[in-house]
PDB file of N, CA and C in Angstrom:
ATOM      1  N   UNK A   1       0.825  -1.134   0.011  1.00  0.00           N
ATOM      2  CA  UNK A   1       0.104  -0.138   0.028  1.00  0.00           C
ATOM      3  C   UNK A   1       0.925   1.276  -0.087  1.00  0.00           C
ATOM      4  N   UNK A   2       0.581   2.236  -0.869  1.00  0.00           N
ATOM      5  CA  UNK A   2       1.355   3.348  -1.041  1.00  0.00           C
ATOM      6  C   UNK A   2       0.903   4.532   0.049  1.00  0.00           C
ATOM      7  N   UNK A   3       1.759   5.062   0.720  1.00  0.00           N
ATOM      8  CA  UNK A   3       1.384   6.280   1.539  1.00  0.00           C
ATOM      9  C   UNK A   3       1.287   7.487   0.712  1.00  0.00           C
ATOM     10  N   UNK A   4       0.312   8.339   0.450  1.00  0.00           N
ATOM     11  CA  UNK A   4       0.249   9.300  -0.198  1.00  0.00           C
ATOM     12  C   UNK A   4      -0.168  10.669   0.420  1.00  0.00           C
ATOM     13  N   UNK A   5      -0.748  10.463   1.812  1.00  0.00           N
ATOM     14  CA  UNK A   5      -0.883  11.553   2.607  1.00  0.00           C
ATOM     15  C   UNK A   5      -2.330  11.827   2.443  1.00  0.00           C
ATOM     16  N   UNK A   6      -3.122  11.264   1.538  1.00  0.00           N
ATOM     17  CA  UNK A   6      -4.642  11.377   1.461  1.00  0.00           C
ATOM     18  C   UNK A   6      -5.344  10.092   1.696  1.00  0.00           C
ATOM     19  N   UNK A   7      -6.599  10.301   2.165  1.00  0.00           N
ATOM     20  CA  UNK A   7      -7.366   9.111   2.363  1.00  0.00           C
ATOM     21  C   UNK A   7      -8.473   8.903   1.329  1.00  0.00           C
ATOM     22  N   UNK A   8      -8.692   7.887   0.816  1.00  0.00           N
ATOM     23  CA  UNK A   8      -9.673   7.404  -0.234  1.00  0.00           C
ATOM     24  C   UNK A   8     -11.270   7.450   0.254  1.00  0.00           C
ATOM     25  N   UNK A   9     -11.932   7.297  -0.710  1.00  0.00           N
ATOM     26  CA  UNK A   9     -13.399   7.420  -0.284  1.00  0.00           C
ATOM     27  C   UNK A   9     -13.828   6.362   0.721  1.00  0.00           C
ATOM     28  N   UNK A  10     -13.054   5.078   0.461  1.00  0.00           N
ATOM     29  CA  UNK A  10     -13.445   3.874   1.145  1.00  0.00           C
ATOM     30  C   UNK A  10     -12.939   4.195   2.583  1.00  0.00           C
ATOM     31  N   UNK A  11     -11.787   4.819   2.669  1.00  0.00           N
ATOM     32  CA  UNK A  11     -11.182   4.923   4.033  1.00  0.00           C
ATOM     33  C   UNK A  11     -12.251   6.147   4.863  1.00  0.00           C
ATOM     34  N   UNK A  12     -12.702   7.066   4.041  1.00  0.00           N
ATOM     35  CA  UNK A  12     -13.677   8.137   4.698  1.00  0.00           C
ATOM     36  C   UNK A  12     -14.798   7.391   5.159  1.00  0.00           C
ATOM     37  N   UNK A  13     -15.344   6.686   4.245  1.00  0.00           N
ATOM     38  CA  UNK A  13     -16.699   5.990   4.747  1.00  0.00           C
ATOM     39  C   UNK A  13     -16.385   5.075   6.025  1.00  0.00           C
ATOM     40  N   UNK A  14     -15.246   4.406   6.009  1.00  0.00           N
ATOM     41  CA  UNK A  14     -15.139   3.458   7.204  1.00  0.00           C
ATOM     42  C   UNK A  14     -14.823   4.171   8.427  1.00  0.00           C
ATOM     43  N   UNK A  15     -14.156   5.466   8.428  1.00  0.00           N
ATOM     44  CA  UNK A  15     -14.010   6.273   9.610  1.00  0.00           C
ATOM     45  C   UNK A  15     -15.404   6.516   9.885  1.00  0.00           C
ATOM     46  N   UNK A  16     -16.344   7.111   9.128  1.00  0.00           N
ATOM     47  CA  UNK A  16     -17.761   7.439   9.378  1.00  0.00           C
ATOM     48  C   UNK A  16     -18.395   6.501  10.092  1.00  0.00           C
ATOM     49  N   UNK A  17     -18.491   5.329   9.337  1.00  0.00           N
ATOM     50  CA  UNK A  17     -19.332   4.065  10.048  1.00  0.00           C
ATOM     51  C   UNK A  17     -18.649   3.810  11.181  1.00  0.00           C
ATOM     52  N   UNK A  18     -17.397   3.704  11.518  1.00  0.00           N
ATOM     53  CA  UNK A  18     -16.733   3.315  12.732  1.00  0.00           C
ATOM     54  C   UNK A  18     -17.146   4.360  13.879  1.00  0.00           C
ATOM     55  N   UNK A  19     -17.030   5.501  13.697  1.00  0.00           N
ATOM     56  CA  UNK A  19     -17.592   6.471  14.561  1.00  0.00           C
ATOM     57  C   UNK A  19     -19.028   6.463  14.980  1.00  0.00           C
ATOM     58  N   UNK A  20     -19.937   6.229  13.932  1.00  0.00           N
ATOM     59  CA  UNK A  20     -21.310   6.038  14.338  1.00  0.00           C
ATOM     60  C   UNK A  20     -21.591   4.684  15.053  1.00  0.00           C
ATOM     61  N   UNK A  21     -20.872   3.626  14.854  1.00  0.00           N
ATOM     62  CA  UNK A  21     -21.162   2.382  15.386  1.00  0.00           C
ATOM     63  C   UNK A  21     -20.499   2.728  16.989  1.00  0.00           C
ATOM     64  N   UNK A  22     -19.274   3.190  16.991  1.00  0.00           N
ATOM     65  CA  UNK A  22     -18.645   3.549  18.343  1.00  0.00           C
ATOM     66  C   UNK A  22     -19.567   4.182  19.215  1.00  0.00           C
ATOM     67  N   UNK A  23     -20.151   5.362  18.795  1.00  0.00           N
ATOM     68  CA  UNK A  23     -21.109   6.154  19.457  1.00  0.00           C
ATOM     69  C   UNK A  23     -22.346   5.554  19.949  1.00  0.00           C
ATOM     70  N   UNK A  24     -22.890   4.643  18.913  1.00  0.00           N
ATOM     71  CA  UNK A  24     -23.972   3.727  19.440  1.00  0.00           C
ATOM     72  C   UNK A  24     -23.845   2.899  20.512  1.00  0.00           C
ATOM     73  N   UNK A  25     -22.616   2.254  20.502  1.00  0.00           N
ATOM     74  CA  UNK A  25     -22.103   1.275  21.840  1.00  0.00           C
ATOM     75  C   UNK A  25     -22.265   2.102  22.935  1.00  0.00           C
ATOM     76  N   UNK A  26     -21.637   3.147  23.059  1.00  0.00           N
ATOM     77  CA  UNK A  26     -21.577   4.009  24.332  1.00  0.00           C
ATOM     78  C   UNK A  26     -22.901   4.616  24.707  1.00  0.00           C
ATOM     79  N   UNK A  27     -23.649   4.959  23.848  1.00  0.00           N
ATOM     80  CA  UNK A  27     -25.036   5.270  24.300  1.00  0.00           C
ATOM     81  C   UNK A  27     -26.120   4.282  24.702  1.00  0.00           C
ATOM     82  N   UNK A  28     -25.784   3.089  24.180  1.00  0.00           N
ATOM     83  CA  UNK A  28     -26.669   1.815  24.708  1.00  0.00           C
ATOM     84  C   UNK A  28     -26.112   1.538  26.158  1.00  0.00           C
ATOM     85  N   UNK A  29     -24.791   1.625  26.187  1.00  0.00           N
ATOM     86  CA  UNK A  29     -24.280   1.334  27.654  1.00  0.00           C
ATOM     87  C   UNK A  29     -24.734   2.376  28.629  1.00  0.00           C
ATOM     88  N   UNK A  30     -24.879   3.509  28.244  1.00  0.00           N
ATOM     89  CA  UNK A  30     -25.535   4.664  29.182  1.00  0.00           C
ATOM     90  C   UNK A  30     -26.947   4.279  29.539  1.00  0.00           C
ATOM     91  N   UNK A  31     -27.709   3.862  28.496  1.00  0.00           N
ATOM     92  CA  UNK A  31     -29.099   3.479  28.847  1.00  0.00           C
ATOM     93  C   UNK A  31     -29.272   2.318  29.825  1.00  0.00           C
ATOM     94  N   UNK A  32     -28.357   1.339  29.518  1.00  0.00           N
ATOM     95  CA  UNK A  32     -28.490   0.306  30.445  1.00  0.00           C
ATOM     96  C   UNK A  32     -28.100   0.486  31.700  1.00  0.00           C
ATOM     97  N   UNK A  33     -26.986   1.474  31.931  1.00  0.00           N
ATOM     98  CA  UNK A  33     -26.429   1.909  33.127  1.00  0.00           C
ATOM     99  C   UNK A  33     -27.631   2.597  33.963  1.00  0.00           C
ATOM    100  N   UNK A  34     -28.345   3.356  33.278  1.00  0.00           N
ATOM    101  CA  UNK A  34     -29.395   4.185  33.778  1.00  0.00           C
ATOM    102  C   UNK A  34     -30.545   3.248  34.250  1.00  0.00           C
ATOM    103  N   UNK A  35     -30.814   2.028  33.604  1.00  0.00           N
ATOM    104  CA  UNK A  35     -31.807   1.164  33.886  1.00  0.00           C
ATOM    105  C   UNK A  35     -31.401   0.186  34.921  1.00  0.00           C
ATOM    106  N   UNK A  36     -29.993  -0.035  35.177  1.00  0.00           N
ATOM    107  CA  UNK A  36     -29.621  -0.934  36.200  1.00  0.00           C
ATOM    108  C   UNK A  36     -29.603  -0.351  37.529  1.00  0.00           C
ATOM    109  N   UNK A  37     -29.329   1.193  37.632  1.00  0.00           N
ATOM    110  CA  UNK A  37     -29.420   1.745  38.709  1.00  0.00           C
ATOM    111  C   UNK A  37     -28.358   1.167  39.910  1.00  0.00           C
ATOM    112  N   UNK A  38     -28.794   0.778  40.989  1.00  0.00           N
ATOM    113  CA  UNK A  38     -27.920   0.239  41.898  1.00  0.00           C
ATOM    114  C   UNK A  38     -27.295  -1.027  41.718  1.00  0.00           C
ATOM    115  N   UNK A  39     -27.823  -1.796  40.728  1.00  0.00           N
ATOM    116  CA  UNK A  39     -27.379  -3.196  40.327  1.00  0.00           C
ATOM    117  C   UNK A  39     -26.185  -3.042  39.253  1.00  0.00           C
ATOM    118  N   UNK A  40     -25.742  -1.846  38.948  1.00  0.00           N
ATOM    119  CA  UNK A  40     -24.857  -1.685  37.703  1.00  0.00           C
ATOM    120  C   UNK A  40     -23.534  -2.529  37.917  1.00  0.00           C
ATOM    121  N   UNK A  41     -23.146  -2.728  38.995  1.00  0.00           N
ATOM    122  CA  UNK A  41     -21.915  -3.666  39.193  1.00  0.00           C
ATOM    123  C   UNK A  41     -22.305  -4.973  38.876  1.00  0.00           C
ATOM    124  N   UNK A  42     -23.535  -5.485  38.980  1.00  0.00           N
ATOM    125  CA  UNK A  42     -23.829  -6.867  38.622  1.00  0.00           C
ATOM    126  C   UNK A  42     -24.198  -6.913  37.047  1.00  0.00           C
ATOM    127  N   UNK A  43     -24.802  -5.911  36.492  1.00  0.00           N
ATOM    128  CA  UNK A  43     -25.059  -5.900  35.075  1.00  0.00           C
ATOM    129  C   UNK A  43     -23.770  -6.103  34.254  1.00  0.00           C
ATOM    130  N   UNK A  44     -22.550  -5.612  34.786  1.00  0.00           N
ATOM    131  CA  UNK A  44     -21.275  -5.566  33.899  1.00  0.00           C
ATOM    132  C   UNK A  44     -20.805  -6.997  33.646  1.00  0.00           C
ATOM    133  N   UNK A  45     -21.365  -7.925  34.385  1.00  0.00           N
ATOM    134  CA  UNK A  45     -20.871  -9.413  34.325  1.00  0.00           C
ATOM    135  C   UNK A  45     -21.488 -10.039  33.109  1.00  0.00           C
TER     136      UNK A  45
END
């Protein structure tokens, strides 16, 4: 693979999709933590 200092369209799409999926994972964890309340330590297993 040649390093040209530019990203391709596929690279840009992959970065965008990865950001969306990553944000979704953290937002779902926040909702789960809110639902678990005092049993959060138990829900992490």
